[in-house]
């Protein structure tokens, strides 16, 4: 399975079968956890055989069942935590899908099991991602139209019509629209910034710049990290640069 196929096939799953995850799959996920932690400064942990975190009223209210494996998304408690958790957590989600496993982002429907999750001073457990073999493969969610979340601005800051958006940008937004977000609200926007004419005429023109903005919401910054990772896959990182303008 390719990562593009994983984006299309992945759906949130809350009920899991009593089937252990094969050791080789766990080793592949642990290796990616280590890579993500090294790149991000996070302290993500793959927890296995722990039914305690989802043995609580909130988990039952959230209709979770059979969960004993999960990623604990831990990191420094600072302004960058949420977006990094979303970005690197979604790397793990899509890798799990490519391995034939199912997942679900969980913001509130669990309890901290400090006996197995290591949270160092200055760190925070932001959320977890359930992991395992789903009873089902889940189902899709309602998706907004491209025009609802995509923007294009001229170098003067004026809005331009979306019908002139390049194909790579459209592919990025379409991949982002397939990403999981809190309550499936898709509160984000992507803006393509038109470069100045002088940049286009240069012998080595700069790559187009794209900004991504989160809407209001409790987990909107986590969502932003998730959708930015999807956008990169769909658009191709060679086609643009991120900007905060």
C-alpha atoms as a PDB file:
ATOM      1  CA  UNK A   1       0.000   0.000   0.000  1.00  0.00           C
ATOM      2  CA  UNK A   2       1.316   3.444  -0.916  1.00  0.00           C
ATOM      3  CA  UNK A   3       0.953   6.444   1.365  1.00  0.00           C
ATOM      4  CA  UNK A   4      -1.526   7.988  -1.089  1.00  0.00           C
ATOM      5  CA  UNK A   5      -3.638   4.819  -0.871  1.00  0.00           C
ATOM      6  CA  UNK A   6      -3.392   4.961   2.927  1.00  0.00           C
ATOM      7  CA  UNK A   7      -4.804   8.502   2.893  1.00  0.00           C
ATOM      8  CA  UNK A   8      -7.799   7.328   0.893  1.00  0.00           C
ATOM      9  CA  UNK A   9      -8.407   4.134   2.870  1.00  0.00           C
ATOM     10  CA  UNK A  10      -7.816   5.379   6.420  1.00  0.00           C
ATOM     11  CA  UNK A  11     -10.906   5.984   8.556  1.00  0.00           C
ATOM     12  CA  UNK A  12     -11.220   6.411  12.315  1.00  0.00           C
ATOM     13  CA  UNK A  13     -11.907   3.128  14.127  1.00  0.00           C
ATOM     14  CA  UNK A  14     -13.071   2.937  17.748  1.00  0.00           C
ATOM     15  CA  UNK A  15     -13.707  -0.796  18.223  1.00  0.00           C
ATOM     16  CA  UNK A  16     -10.865  -3.294  18.014  1.00  0.00           C
ATOM     17  CA  UNK A  17     -10.599  -7.074  17.789  1.00  0.00           C
ATOM     18  CA  UNK A  18      -8.684  -9.112  20.362  1.00  0.00           C
ATOM     19  CA  UNK A  19      -5.858  -9.776  17.937  1.00  0.00           C
ATOM     20  CA  UNK A  20      -2.247  -9.072  18.847  1.00  0.00           C
ATOM     21  CA  UNK A  21      -0.140  -6.895  16.565  1.00  0.00           C
ATOM     22  CA  UNK A  22       2.686  -8.859  14.970  1.00  0.00           C
ATOM     23  CA  UNK A  23       6.163  -8.140  16.340  1.00  0.00           C
ATOM     24  CA  UNK A  24       7.564  -7.056  12.984  1.00  0.00           C
ATOM     25  CA  UNK A  25       4.820  -4.433  12.663  1.00  0.00           C
ATOM     26  CA  UNK A  26       5.481  -3.179  16.179  1.00  0.00           C
ATOM     27  CA  UNK A  27       9.194  -2.912  15.396  1.00  0.00           C
ATOM     28  CA  UNK A  28       8.449  -0.878  12.251  1.00  0.00           C
ATOM     29  CA  UNK A  29       6.259   1.488  14.245  1.00  0.00           C
ATOM     30  CA  UNK A  30       8.814   1.803  17.054  1.00  0.00           C
ATOM     31  CA  UNK A  31      11.474   2.713  14.499  1.00  0.00           C
ATOM     32  CA  UNK A  32       9.243   5.457  13.098  1.00  0.00           C
ATOM     33  CA  UNK A  33       8.456   6.701  16.621  1.00  0.00           C
ATOM     34  CA  UNK A  34      12.188   7.088  17.213  1.00  0.00           C
ATOM     35  CA  UNK A  35      12.606   8.961  13.918  1.00  0.00           C
ATOM     36  CA  UNK A  36       9.718  11.296  14.741  1.00  0.00           C
ATOM     37  CA  UNK A  37      11.029  12.006  18.229  1.00  0.00           C
ATOM     38  CA  UNK A  38      14.505  12.777  16.920  1.00  0.00           C
ATOM     39  CA  UNK A  39      13.158  15.128  14.249  1.00  0.00           C
ATOM     40  CA  UNK A  40      10.574  16.895  16.431  1.00  0.00           C
ATOM     41  CA  UNK A  41      11.847  16.911  20.006  1.00  0.00           C
ATOM     42  CA  UNK A  42       8.673  15.128  21.090  1.00  0.00           C
ATOM     43  CA  UNK A  43       8.526  12.151  23.453  1.00  0.00           C
ATOM     44  CA  UNK A  44       6.017   9.972  21.587  1.00  0.00           C
ATOM     45  CA  UNK A  45       5.631   6.494  23.078  1.00  0.00           C
ATOM     46  CA  UNK A  46       4.133   3.319  21.615  1.00  0.00           C
ATOM     47  CA  UNK A  47       2.217   1.627  24.418  1.00  0.00           C
ATOM     48  CA  UNK A  48       1.085  -1.982  24.027  1.00  0.00           C
ATOM     49  CA  UNK A  49      -1.058  -4.311  26.113  1.00  0.00           C
ATOM     50  CA  UNK A  50      -2.454  -1.552  28.315  1.00  0.00           C
ATOM     51  CA  UNK A  51      -6.251  -1.709  28.648  1.00  0.00           C
ATOM     52  CA  UNK A  52      -6.237   0.770  31.550  1.00  0.00           C
ATOM     53  CA  UNK A  53      -6.186   3.970  29.481  1.00  0.00           C
ATOM     54  CA  UNK A  54      -9.477   3.090  27.807  1.00  0.00           C
ATOM     55  CA  UNK A  55     -11.140   1.511  30.826  1.00  0.00           C
ATOM     56  CA  UNK A  56     -12.928   4.650  31.948  1.00  0.00           C
ATOM     57  CA  UNK A  57     -16.304   6.337  31.647  1.00  0.00           C
ATOM     58  CA  UNK A  58     -15.098   8.792  28.991  1.00  0.00           C
ATOM     59  CA  UNK A  59     -13.836   5.962  26.780  1.00  0.00           C
ATOM     60  CA  UNK A  60     -17.128   4.108  27.037  1.00  0.00           C
ATOM     61  CA  UNK A  61     -18.981   7.335  26.319  1.00  0.00           C
ATOM     62  CA  UNK A  62     -16.785   7.755  23.243  1.00  0.00           C
ATOM     63  CA  UNK A  63     -17.773   4.224  22.172  1.00  0.00           C
ATOM     64  CA  UNK A  64     -14.242   2.834  22.326  1.00  0.00           C
ATOM     65  CA  UNK A  65     -13.887  -0.904  22.870  1.00  0.00           C
ATOM     66  CA  UNK A  66     -11.052  -3.414  22.797  1.00  0.00           C
ATOM     67  CA  UNK A  67      -8.297  -0.770  22.919  1.00  0.00           C
ATOM     68  CA  UNK A  68      -5.064  -1.936  24.535  1.00  0.00           C
ATOM     69  CA  UNK A  69      -2.505  -0.389  22.163  1.00  0.00           C
ATOM     70  CA  UNK A  70      -1.944   3.302  21.507  1.00  0.00           C
ATOM     71  CA  UNK A  71       0.535   6.042  20.770  1.00  0.00           C
ATOM     72  CA  UNK A  72       0.957   8.454  23.684  1.00  0.00           C
ATOM     73  CA  UNK A  73       1.581  11.875  22.144  1.00  0.00           C
ATOM     74  CA  UNK A  74       3.864  13.484  24.721  1.00  0.00           C
ATOM     75  CA  UNK A  75       6.083  16.519  24.277  1.00  0.00           C
ATOM     76  CA  UNK A  76       7.370  19.789  25.717  1.00  0.00           C
ATOM     77  CA  UNK A  77       4.484  21.929  26.948  1.00  0.00           C
ATOM     78  CA  UNK A  78       5.018  24.925  24.674  1.00  0.00           C
ATOM     79  CA  UNK A  79       3.352  26.796  21.812  1.00  0.00           C
ATOM     80  CA  UNK A  80       4.649  24.357  19.181  1.00  0.00           C
ATOM     81  CA  UNK A  81       3.378  21.197  20.901  1.00  0.00           C
ATOM     82  CA  UNK A  82      -0.040  20.870  19.256  1.00  0.00           C
ATOM     83  CA  UNK A  83       1.048  21.303  15.644  1.00  0.00           C
ATOM     84  CA  UNK A  84       4.025  18.985  16.083  1.00  0.00           C
ATOM     85  CA  UNK A  85       1.823  16.357  17.727  1.00  0.00           C
ATOM     86  CA  UNK A  86      -0.573  16.528  14.784  1.00  0.00           C
ATOM     87  CA  UNK A  87       2.103  16.450  12.091  1.00  0.00           C
ATOM     88  CA  UNK A  88       4.186  13.607  13.501  1.00  0.00           C
ATOM     89  CA  UNK A  89       1.217  11.705  14.876  1.00  0.00           C
ATOM     90  CA  UNK A  90      -0.313  11.567  11.413  1.00  0.00           C
ATOM     91  CA  UNK A  91       2.933  10.102  10.088  1.00  0.00           C
ATOM     92  CA  UNK A  92       2.358   7.242  12.530  1.00  0.00           C
ATOM     93  CA  UNK A  93      -1.325   6.956  11.613  1.00  0.00           C
ATOM     94  CA  UNK A  94      -0.602   6.564   7.908  1.00  0.00           C
ATOM     95  CA  UNK A  95       2.274   4.147   8.548  1.00  0.00           C
ATOM     96  CA  UNK A  96      -0.064   2.023  10.669  1.00  0.00           C
ATOM     97  CA  UNK A  97      -2.623   2.041   7.851  1.00  0.00           C
ATOM     98  CA  UNK A  98       0.050   0.923   5.397  1.00  0.00           C
ATOM     99  CA  UNK A  99       0.796  -1.982   7.759  1.00  0.00           C
ATOM    100  CA  UNK A 100      -2.856  -3.068   7.731  1.00  0.00           C
ATOM    101  CA  UNK A 101      -3.701  -1.589  11.145  1.00  0.00           C
ATOM    102  CA  UNK A 102      -6.410   0.851  12.225  1.00  0.00           C
ATOM    103  CA  UNK A 103      -6.233   3.993  14.347  1.00  0.00           C
ATOM    104  CA  UNK A 104      -8.215   6.833  15.852  1.00  0.00           C
ATOM    105  CA  UNK A 105      -7.100  10.201  17.238  1.00  0.00           C
ATOM    106  CA  UNK A 106      -8.359  10.523  20.824  1.00  0.00           C
ATOM    107  CA  UNK A 107      -8.393  13.872  22.562  1.00  0.00           C
ATOM    108  CA  UNK A 108     -10.463  13.297  25.688  1.00  0.00           C
ATOM    109  CA  UNK A 109     -11.892   9.751  25.848  1.00  0.00           C
ATOM    110  CA  UNK A 110      -9.037   8.191  27.807  1.00  0.00           C
ATOM    111  CA  UNK A 111      -7.294   8.476  31.158  1.00  0.00           C
ATOM    112  CA  UNK A 112      -3.599   8.960  31.793  1.00  0.00           C
ATOM    113  CA  UNK A 113      -1.881   5.795  32.923  1.00  0.00           C
ATOM    114  CA  UNK A 114       1.251   7.245  34.500  1.00  0.00           C
ATOM    115  CA  UNK A 115       2.483   3.743  35.325  1.00  0.00           C
ATOM    116  CA  UNK A 116       3.232   3.113  31.638  1.00  0.00           C
ATOM    117  CA  UNK A 117       3.385   6.555  29.991  1.00  0.00           C
ATOM    118  CA  UNK A 118       6.525   8.475  30.889  1.00  0.00           C
ATOM    119  CA  UNK A 119       5.880  12.218  31.195  1.00  0.00           C
ATOM    120  CA  UNK A 120       8.987  14.148  32.118  1.00  0.00           C
ATOM    121  CA  UNK A 121       9.080  17.511  33.876  1.00  0.00           C
ATOM    122  CA  UNK A 122       7.927  20.253  31.528  1.00  0.00           C
ATOM    123  CA  UNK A 123       6.134  17.782  29.265  1.00  0.00           C
ATOM    124  CA  UNK A 124       2.464  17.172  28.560  1.00  0.00           C
ATOM    125  CA  UNK A 125       0.417  14.240  27.301  1.00  0.00           C
ATOM    126  CA  UNK A 126      -1.624  16.069  24.660  1.00  0.00           C
ATOM    127  CA  UNK A 127      -3.640  13.148  23.274  1.00  0.00           C
ATOM    128  CA  UNK A 128      -3.360   9.515  22.258  1.00  0.00           C
ATOM    129  CA  UNK A 129      -3.927   7.539  19.063  1.00  0.00           C
ATOM    130  CA  UNK A 130      -5.607   4.144  19.448  1.00  0.00           C
ATOM    131  CA  UNK A 131      -4.030   1.324  17.452  1.00  0.00           C
ATOM    132  CA  UNK A 132      -4.911  -2.229  16.478  1.00  0.00           C
ATOM    133  CA  UNK A 133      -6.998  -4.396  14.202  1.00  0.00           C
ATOM    134  CA  UNK A 134     -10.410  -2.807  13.845  1.00  0.00           C
ATOM    135  CA  UNK A 135     -13.631  -4.771  14.026  1.00  0.00           C
ATOM    136  CA  UNK A 136     -14.471  -2.769  10.898  1.00  0.00           C
ATOM    137  CA  UNK A 137     -12.460  -0.476   8.626  1.00  0.00           C
ATOM    138  CA  UNK A 138     -14.481   2.559   9.684  1.00  0.00           C
ATOM    139  CA  UNK A 139     -16.375   4.876   7.360  1.00  0.00           C
ATOM    140  CA  UNK A 140     -15.722   8.144   5.578  1.00  0.00           C
ATOM    141  CA  UNK A 141     -16.717  11.579   6.821  1.00  0.00           C
ATOM    142  CA  UNK A 142     -18.369  14.537   5.161  1.00  0.00           C
ATOM    143  CA  UNK A 143     -15.845  16.585   3.204  1.00  0.00           C
ATOM    144  CA  UNK A 144     -15.948  20.300   2.458  1.00  0.00           C
ATOM    145  CA  UNK A 145     -15.481  21.549  -1.078  1.00  0.00           C
ATOM    146  CA  UNK A 146     -12.056  22.775  -2.150  1.00  0.00           C
ATOM    147  CA  UNK A 147     -13.355  26.332  -2.433  1.00  0.00           C
ATOM    148  CA  UNK A 148     -14.282  26.355   1.266  1.00  0.00           C
ATOM    149  CA  UNK A 149     -10.709  25.850   2.469  1.00  0.00           C
ATOM    150  CA  UNK A 150      -8.461  27.031  -0.404  1.00  0.00           C
ATOM    151  CA  UNK A 151      -7.402  30.609  -1.082  1.00  0.00           C
ATOM    152  CA  UNK A 152      -5.081  32.394  -3.486  1.00  0.00           C
ATOM    153  CA  UNK A 153      -3.687  35.863  -2.889  1.00  0.00           C
ATOM    154  CA  UNK A 154      -1.859  38.248  -5.157  1.00  0.00           C
ATOM    155  CA  UNK A 155       1.407  39.879  -4.124  1.00  0.00           C
ATOM    156  CA  UNK A 156      -0.703  42.916  -3.179  1.00  0.00           C
ATOM    157  CA  UNK A 157      -2.734  40.770  -0.790  1.00  0.00           C
ATOM    158  CA  UNK A 158      -5.878  40.638  -2.926  1.00  0.00           C
ATOM    159  CA  UNK A 159      -7.944  37.450  -3.264  1.00  0.00           C
ATOM    160  CA  UNK A 160      -7.740  35.708  -6.630  1.00  0.00           C
ATOM    161  CA  UNK A 161     -10.284  33.264  -8.107  1.00  0.00           C
ATOM    162  CA  UNK A 162      -9.729  29.618  -7.164  1.00  0.00           C
ATOM    163  CA  UNK A 163     -10.187  28.439 -10.747  1.00  0.00           C
ATOM    164  CA  UNK A 164      -6.595  29.521 -11.453  1.00  0.00           C
ATOM    165  CA  UNK A 165      -5.088  27.368  -8.687  1.00  0.00           C
ATOM    166  CA  UNK A 166      -2.302  25.078  -9.937  1.00  0.00           C
ATOM    167  CA  UNK A 167      -2.964  21.340  -9.963  1.00  0.00           C
ATOM    168  CA  UNK A 168      -0.299  20.545  -7.349  1.00  0.00           C
ATOM    169  CA  UNK A 169      -2.003  22.934  -4.897  1.00  0.00           C
ATOM    170  CA  UNK A 170      -5.407  21.369  -5.570  1.00  0.00           C
ATOM    171  CA  UNK A 171      -3.979  17.902  -4.963  1.00  0.00           C
ATOM    172  CA  UNK A 172      -2.547  19.092  -1.653  1.00  0.00           C
ATOM    173  CA  UNK A 173      -5.863  20.537  -0.484  1.00  0.00           C
ATOM    174  CA  UNK A 174      -7.748  17.418  -1.592  1.00  0.00           C
ATOM    175  CA  UNK A 175      -5.359  15.263   0.467  1.00  0.00           C
ATOM    176  CA  UNK A 176      -5.845  17.608   3.446  1.00  0.00           C
ATOM    177  CA  UNK A 177      -9.618  17.280   3.165  1.00  0.00           C
ATOM    178  CA  UNK A 178      -9.261  13.515   3.676  1.00  0.00           C
ATOM    179  CA  UNK A 179      -7.370  14.041   6.941  1.00  0.00           C
ATOM    180  CA  UNK A 180      -8.968  13.407  10.344  1.00  0.00           C
ATOM    181  CA  UNK A 181      -9.910  16.547  12.281  1.00  0.00           C
ATOM    182  CA  UNK A 182     -11.620  17.114  15.617  1.00  0.00           C
ATOM    183  CA  UNK A 183     -15.352  16.361  15.258  1.00  0.00           C
ATOM    184  CA  UNK A 184     -14.713  16.311  11.474  1.00  0.00           C
ATOM    185  CA  UNK A 185     -15.080  20.087  11.437  1.00  0.00           C
ATOM    186  CA  UNK A 186     -12.208  20.755   8.980  1.00  0.00           C
ATOM    187  CA  UNK A 187     -11.493  24.185  10.473  1.00  0.00           C
ATOM    188  CA  UNK A 188      -8.486  25.115   8.363  1.00  0.00           C
ATOM    189  CA  UNK A 189      -7.554  27.116   5.279  1.00  0.00           C
ATOM    190  CA  UNK A 190      -4.653  26.906   2.831  1.00  0.00           C
ATOM    191  CA  UNK A 191      -3.525  30.016   0.974  1.00  0.00           C
ATOM    192  CA  UNK A 192      -1.277  30.124  -2.083  1.00  0.00           C
ATOM    193  CA  UNK A 193       0.647  33.395  -2.257  1.00  0.00           C
ATOM    194  CA  UNK A 194       1.389  34.709  -5.732  1.00  0.00           C
ATOM    195  CA  UNK A 195       5.110  35.570  -6.038  1.00  0.00           C
ATOM    196  CA  UNK A 196       6.278  38.992  -7.172  1.00  0.00           C
ATOM    197  CA  UNK A 197       6.930  39.343 -10.893  1.00  0.00           C
ATOM    198  CA  UNK A 198      10.649  39.889 -10.227  1.00  0.00           C
ATOM    199  CA  UNK A 199      10.875  36.475  -8.560  1.00  0.00           C
ATOM    200  CA  UNK A 200       9.248  34.776 -11.556  1.00  0.00           C
ATOM    201  CA  UNK A 201      11.752  36.384 -13.922  1.00  0.00           C
ATOM    202  CA  UNK A 202      14.834  35.400 -11.913  1.00  0.00           C
ATOM    203  CA  UNK A 203      17.206  32.781 -13.294  1.00  0.00           C
ATOM    204  CA  UNK A 204      16.389  30.584 -10.292  1.00  0.00           C
ATOM    205  CA  UNK A 205      12.800  31.537  -9.416  1.00  0.00           C
ATOM    206  CA  UNK A 206      11.697  30.884  -5.866  1.00  0.00           C
ATOM    207  CA  UNK A 207       9.160  28.183  -5.159  1.00  0.00           C
ATOM    208  CA  UNK A 208       5.564  29.284  -4.515  1.00  0.00           C
ATOM    209  CA  UNK A 209       4.721  29.948  -0.874  1.00  0.00           C
ATOM    210  CA  UNK A 210       1.787  28.374   0.950  1.00  0.00           C
ATOM    211  CA  UNK A 211       0.398  29.266   4.367  1.00  0.00           C
ATOM    212  CA  UNK A 212      -1.949  27.164   6.476  1.00  0.00           C
ATOM    213  CA  UNK A 213      -4.191  28.584   9.169  1.00  0.00           C
ATOM    214  CA  UNK A 214      -6.145  26.853  11.913  1.00  0.00           C
ATOM    215  CA  UNK A 215      -9.645  27.893  12.840  1.00  0.00           C
ATOM    216  CA  UNK A 216     -10.946  28.194  16.388  1.00  0.00           C
ATOM    217  CA  UNK A 217     -11.322  25.028  18.414  1.00  0.00           C
ATOM    218  CA  UNK A 218      -9.874  23.008  21.283  1.00  0.00           C
ATOM    219  CA  UNK A 219      -7.732  20.775  19.041  1.00  0.00           C
ATOM    220  CA  UNK A 220      -7.492  23.050  15.996  1.00  0.00           C
ATOM    221  CA  UNK A 221      -3.696  23.356  16.198  1.00  0.00           C
ATOM    222  CA  UNK A 222      -3.344  19.557  16.364  1.00  0.00           C
ATOM    223  CA  UNK A 223      -5.628  19.398  13.325  1.00  0.00           C
ATOM    224  CA  UNK A 224      -3.383  21.925  11.579  1.00  0.00           C
ATOM    225  CA  UNK A 225      -0.357  19.683  11.951  1.00  0.00           C
ATOM    226  CA  UNK A 226      -2.335  16.712  10.626  1.00  0.00           C
ATOM    227  CA  UNK A 227      -3.634  18.497   7.533  1.00  0.00           C
ATOM    228  CA  UNK A 228      -0.247  20.076   6.764  1.00  0.00           C
ATOM    229  CA  UNK A 229       1.285  16.606   6.579  1.00  0.00           C
ATOM    230  CA  UNK A 230      -1.489  15.475   4.235  1.00  0.00           C
ATOM    231  CA  UNK A 231      -1.017  18.595   2.122  1.00  0.00           C
ATOM    232  CA  UNK A 232       2.696  17.873   1.726  1.00  0.00           C
ATOM    233  CA  UNK A 233       1.953  14.368   0.497  1.00  0.00           C
ATOM    234  CA  UNK A 234      -0.667  15.514  -2.002  1.00  0.00           C
ATOM    235  CA  UNK A 235       1.134  18.606  -3.254  1.00  0.00           C
ATOM    236  CA  UNK A 236       4.700  17.331  -3.197  1.00  0.00           C
ATOM    237  CA  UNK A 237       7.182  19.171  -0.972  1.00  0.00           C
ATOM    238  CA  UNK A 238       9.304  19.974  -4.018  1.00  0.00           C
ATOM    239  CA  UNK A 239       6.564  22.262  -5.381  1.00  0.00           C
ATOM    240  CA  UNK A 240       6.274  24.858  -2.596  1.00  0.00           C
ATOM    241  CA  UNK A 241       7.581  26.336   0.650  1.00  0.00           C
ATOM    242  CA  UNK A 242       5.655  26.958   3.849  1.00  0.00           C
ATOM    243  CA  UNK A 243       5.257  30.559   4.986  1.00  0.00           C
ATOM    244  CA  UNK A 244       3.580  32.190   7.970  1.00  0.00           C
ATOM    245  CA  UNK A 245       2.587  35.381   6.131  1.00  0.00           C
END
